[in-house]
Amino acid sequence: MCGKLLSEGLTPMFYADDMNPSSNRAYKKAGFEFTGTVCEFAFEG
């Protein structure tokens, strides 16, 4: 799936829980790499 997206000029990405080292190892083994952190904010009002 990622190869198809890349061939179409798109960038595949997903959000991973950085507190879960087991899944992060699996993602890295599959060829994904850490590129940054996303901060999420919610405003109440």
PDB file of N, CA and C in Angstrom:
ATOM      1  N   MET A   1       0.823  -1.180   0.000  1.00  0.00           N
ATOM      2  CA  MET A   1       0.000   0.000   0.000  1.00  0.00           C
ATOM      3  C   MET A   1       0.877   1.257   0.000  1.00  0.00           C
ATOM      4  N   CYS A   2       1.900   1.275   0.834  1.00  0.00           N
ATOM      5  CA  CYS A   2       2.763   2.458   0.887  1.00  0.00           C
ATOM      6  C   CYS A   2       3.460   2.691  -0.445  1.00  0.00           C
ATOM      7  N   GLY A   3       3.897   1.605  -1.085  1.00  0.00           N
ATOM      8  CA  GLY A   3       4.542   1.738  -2.385  1.00  0.00           C
ATOM      9  C   GLY A   3       3.624   2.371  -3.408  1.00  0.00           C
ATOM     10  N   LYS A   4       2.356   1.995  -3.392  1.00  0.00           N
ATOM     11  CA  LYS A   4       1.383   2.574  -4.318  1.00  0.00           C
ATOM     12  C   LYS A   4       1.205   4.060  -4.045  1.00  0.00           C
ATOM     13  N   LEU A   5       1.084   4.423  -2.783  1.00  0.00           N
ATOM     14  CA  LEU A   5       0.941   5.841  -2.437  1.00  0.00           C
ATOM     15  C   LEU A   5       2.163   6.635  -2.887  1.00  0.00           C
ATOM     16  N   LEU A   6       3.346   6.101  -2.628  1.00  0.00           N
ATOM     17  CA  LEU A   6       4.573   6.785  -3.037  1.00  0.00           C
ATOM     18  C   LEU A   6       4.639   6.944  -4.550  1.00  0.00           C
ATOM     19  N   SER A   7       4.223   5.917  -5.285  1.00  0.00           N
ATOM     20  CA  SER A   7       4.258   5.998  -6.748  1.00  0.00           C
ATOM     21  C   SER A   7       3.290   7.042  -7.288  1.00  0.00           C
ATOM     22  N   GLU A   8       2.288   7.391  -6.490  1.00  0.00           N
ATOM     23  CA  GLU A   8       1.324   8.419  -6.883  1.00  0.00           C
ATOM     24  C   GLU A   8       1.724   9.808  -6.377  1.00  0.00           C
ATOM     25  N   GLY A   9       2.936   9.910  -5.800  1.00  0.00           N
ATOM     26  CA  GLY A   9       3.418  11.198  -5.318  1.00  0.00           C
ATOM     27  C   GLY A   9       2.870  11.589  -3.961  1.00  0.00           C
ATOM     28  N   LEU A  10       2.279  10.648  -3.265  1.00  0.00           N
ATOM     29  CA  LEU A  10       1.718  10.919  -1.944  1.00  0.00           C
ATOM     30  C   LEU A  10       2.682  10.437  -0.865  1.00  0.00           C
ATOM     31  N   THR A  11       2.527  10.944   0.338  1.00  0.00           N
ATOM     32  CA  THR A  11       3.384  10.555   1.444  1.00  0.00           C
ATOM     33  C   THR A  11       2.570   9.805   2.489  1.00  0.00           C
ATOM     34  N   PRO A  12       2.800   8.504   2.620  1.00  0.00           N
ATOM     35  CA  PRO A  12       2.072   7.762   3.648  1.00  0.00           C
ATOM     36  C   PRO A  12       2.615   8.095   5.030  1.00  0.00           C
ATOM     37  N   MET A  13       1.731   8.182   5.994  1.00  0.00           N
ATOM     38  CA  MET A  13       2.151   8.413   7.378  1.00  0.00           C
ATOM     39  C   MET A  13       1.075   7.895   8.304  1.00  0.00           C
ATOM     40  N   PHE A  14       1.456   7.645   9.512  1.00  0.00           N
ATOM     41  CA  PHE A  14       0.485   7.260  10.523  1.00  0.00           C
ATOM     42  C   PHE A  14       0.997   7.715  11.872  1.00  0.00           C
ATOM     43  N   TYR A  15       0.121   7.740  12.818  1.00  0.00           N
ATOM     44  CA  TYR A  15       0.464   8.149  14.170  1.00  0.00           C
ATOM     45  C   TYR A  15       0.712   6.903  15.007  1.00  0.00           C
ATOM     46  N   ALA A  16       1.805   6.898  15.748  1.00  0.00           N
ATOM     47  CA  ALA A  16       2.148   5.771  16.605  1.00  0.00           C
ATOM     48  C   ALA A  16       2.317   6.273  18.035  1.00  0.00           C
ATOM     49  N   ASP A  17       2.007   5.431  18.959  1.00  0.00           N
ATOM     50  CA  ASP A  17       2.151   5.758  20.377  1.00  0.00           C
ATOM     51  C   ASP A  17       3.614   5.604  20.763  1.00  0.00           C
ATOM     52  N   ASP A  18       4.278   6.706  21.070  1.00  0.00           N
ATOM     53  CA  ASP A  18       5.704   6.629  21.392  1.00  0.00           C
ATOM     54  C   ASP A  18       5.967   5.926  22.721  1.00  0.00           C
ATOM     55  N   MET A  19       4.919   5.632  23.462  1.00  0.00           N
ATOM     56  CA  MET A  19       5.068   4.916  24.727  1.00  0.00           C
ATOM     57  C   MET A  19       4.937   3.399  24.535  1.00  0.00           C
ATOM     58  N   ASN A  20       4.846   2.944  23.286  1.00  0.00           N
ATOM     59  CA  ASN A  20       4.699   1.519  22.999  1.00  0.00           C
ATOM     60  C   ASN A  20       5.901   1.036  22.181  1.00  0.00           C
ATOM     61  N   PRO A  21       6.987   0.665  22.862  1.00  0.00           N
ATOM     62  CA  PRO A  21       8.205   0.289  22.141  1.00  0.00           C
ATOM     63  C   PRO A  21       8.047  -0.950  21.266  1.00  0.00           C
ATOM     64  N   SER A  22       7.168  -1.866  21.634  1.00  0.00           N
ATOM     65  CA  SER A  22       6.985  -3.081  20.827  1.00  0.00           C
ATOM     66  C   SER A  22       6.457  -2.749  19.440  1.00  0.00           C
ATOM     67  N   SER A  23       5.402  -1.956  19.389  1.00  0.00           N
ATOM     68  CA  SER A  23       4.839  -1.611  18.081  1.00  0.00           C
ATOM     69  C   SER A  23       5.800  -0.723  17.304  1.00  0.00           C
ATOM     70  N   ASN A  24       6.500   0.156  17.974  1.00  0.00           N
ATOM     71  CA  ASN A  24       7.439   1.037  17.277  1.00  0.00           C
ATOM     72  C   ASN A  24       8.586   0.245  16.657  1.00  0.00           C
ATOM     73  N   ARG A  25       9.041  -0.815  17.317  1.00  0.00           N
ATOM     74  CA  ARG A  25      10.063  -1.687  16.719  1.00  0.00           C
ATOM     75  C   ARG A  25       9.517  -2.363  15.464  1.00  0.00           C
ATOM     76  N   ALA A  26       8.267  -2.802  15.533  1.00  0.00           N
ATOM     77  CA  ALA A  26       7.653  -3.454  14.370  1.00  0.00           C
ATOM     78  C   ALA A  26       7.531  -2.475  13.205  1.00  0.00           C
ATOM     79  N   TYR A  27       7.138  -1.241  13.484  1.00  0.00           N
ATOM     80  CA  TYR A  27       7.026  -0.232  12.424  1.00  0.00           C
ATOM     81  C   TYR A  27       8.389   0.035  11.804  1.00  0.00           C
ATOM     82  N   LYS A  28       9.412   0.151  12.654  1.00  0.00           N
ATOM     83  CA  LYS A  28      10.763   0.402  12.149  1.00  0.00           C
ATOM     84  C   LYS A  28      11.238  -0.773  11.293  1.00  0.00           C
ATOM     85  N   LYS A  29      10.964  -1.989  11.743  1.00  0.00           N
ATOM     86  CA  LYS A  29      11.347  -3.178  10.981  1.00  0.00           C
ATOM     87  C   LYS A  29      10.640  -3.217   9.627  1.00  0.00           C
ATOM     88  N   ALA A  30       9.430  -2.664   9.568  1.00  0.00           N
ATOM     89  CA  ALA A  30       8.662  -2.623   8.319  1.00  0.00           C
ATOM     90  C   ALA A  30       9.136  -1.514   7.385  1.00  0.00           C
ATOM     91  N   GLY A  31      10.080  -0.672   7.859  1.00  0.00           N
ATOM     92  CA  GLY A  31      10.640   0.354   6.989  1.00  0.00           C
ATOM     93  C   GLY A  31      10.229   1.779   7.310  1.00  0.00           C
ATOM     94  N   PHE A  32       9.356   1.942   8.300  1.00  0.00           N
ATOM     95  CA  PHE A  32       8.964   3.295   8.682  1.00  0.00           C
ATOM     96  C   PHE A  32      10.049   3.913   9.544  1.00  0.00           C
ATOM     97  N   GLU A  33      10.109   5.230   9.556  1.00  0.00           N
ATOM     98  CA  GLU A  33      11.085   5.912  10.395  1.00  0.00           C
ATOM     99  C   GLU A  33      10.421   7.071  11.116  1.00  0.00           C
ATOM    100  N   PHE A  34      10.936   7.344  12.308  1.00  0.00           N
ATOM    101  CA  PHE A  34      10.432   8.459  13.106  1.00  0.00           C
ATOM    102  C   PHE A  34      10.857   9.764  12.444  1.00  0.00           C
ATOM    103  N   THR A  35       9.915  10.669  12.231  1.00  0.00           N
ATOM    104  CA  THR A  35      10.259  11.951  11.613  1.00  0.00           C
ATOM    105  C   THR A  35       9.831  13.144  12.440  1.00  0.00           C
ATOM    106  N   GLY A  36       9.044  12.939  13.477  1.00  0.00           N
ATOM    107  CA  GLY A  36       8.640  14.073  14.288  1.00  0.00           C
ATOM    108  C   GLY A  36       7.531  13.721  15.259  1.00  0.00           C
ATOM    109  N   THR A  37       7.165  14.710  16.028  1.00  0.00           N
ATOM    110  CA  THR A  37       6.132  14.560  17.045  1.00  0.00           C
ATOM    111  C   THR A  37       4.984  15.497  16.732  1.00  0.00           C
ATOM    112  N   VAL A  38       3.791  15.033  16.966  1.00  0.00           N
ATOM    113  CA  VAL A  38       2.594  15.845  16.760  1.00  0.00           C
ATOM    114  C   VAL A  38       2.019  16.196  18.122  1.00  0.00           C
ATOM    115  N   CYS A  39       1.723  17.455  18.325  1.00  0.00           N
ATOM    116  CA  CYS A  39       1.062  17.899  19.553  1.00  0.00           C
ATOM    117  C   CYS A  39      -0.392  18.198  19.238  1.00  0.00           C
ATOM    118  N   GLU A  40      -1.262  17.734  20.082  1.00  0.00           N
ATOM    119  CA  GLU A  40      -2.688  17.948  19.865  1.00  0.00           C
ATOM    120  C   GLU A  40      -3.227  18.829  20.982  1.00  0.00           C
ATOM    121  N   PHE A  41      -3.949  19.863  20.587  1.00  0.00           N
ATOM    122  CA  PHE A  41      -4.539  20.782  21.543  1.00  0.00           C
ATOM    123  C   PHE A  41      -6.042  20.809  21.352  1.00  0.00           C
ATOM    124  N   ALA A  42      -6.763  20.959  22.428  1.00  0.00           N
ATOM    125  CA  ALA A  42      -8.218  21.110  22.359  1.00  0.00           C
ATOM    126  C   ALA A  42      -8.590  22.333  23.184  1.00  0.00           C
ATOM    127  N   PHE A  43      -9.368  23.202  22.595  1.00  0.00           N
ATOM    128  CA  PHE A  43      -9.803  24.400  23.290  1.00  0.00           C
ATOM    129  C   PHE A  43     -11.208  24.191  23.825  1.00  0.00           C
ATOM    130  N   GLU A  44     -11.400  24.545  25.059  1.00  0.00           N
ATOM    131  CA  GLU A  44     -12.723  24.438  25.661  1.00  0.00           C
ATOM    132  C   GLU A  44     -13.385  25.801  25.612  1.00  0.00           C
ATOM    133  N   GLY A  45     -14.660  25.788  25.489  1.00  0.00           N
ATOM    134  CA  GLY A  45     -15.296  27.085  25.510  1.00  0.00           C
ATOM    135  C   GLY A  45     -16.622  27.039  24.933  1.00  0.00           C
TER     136      GLY A  45
END
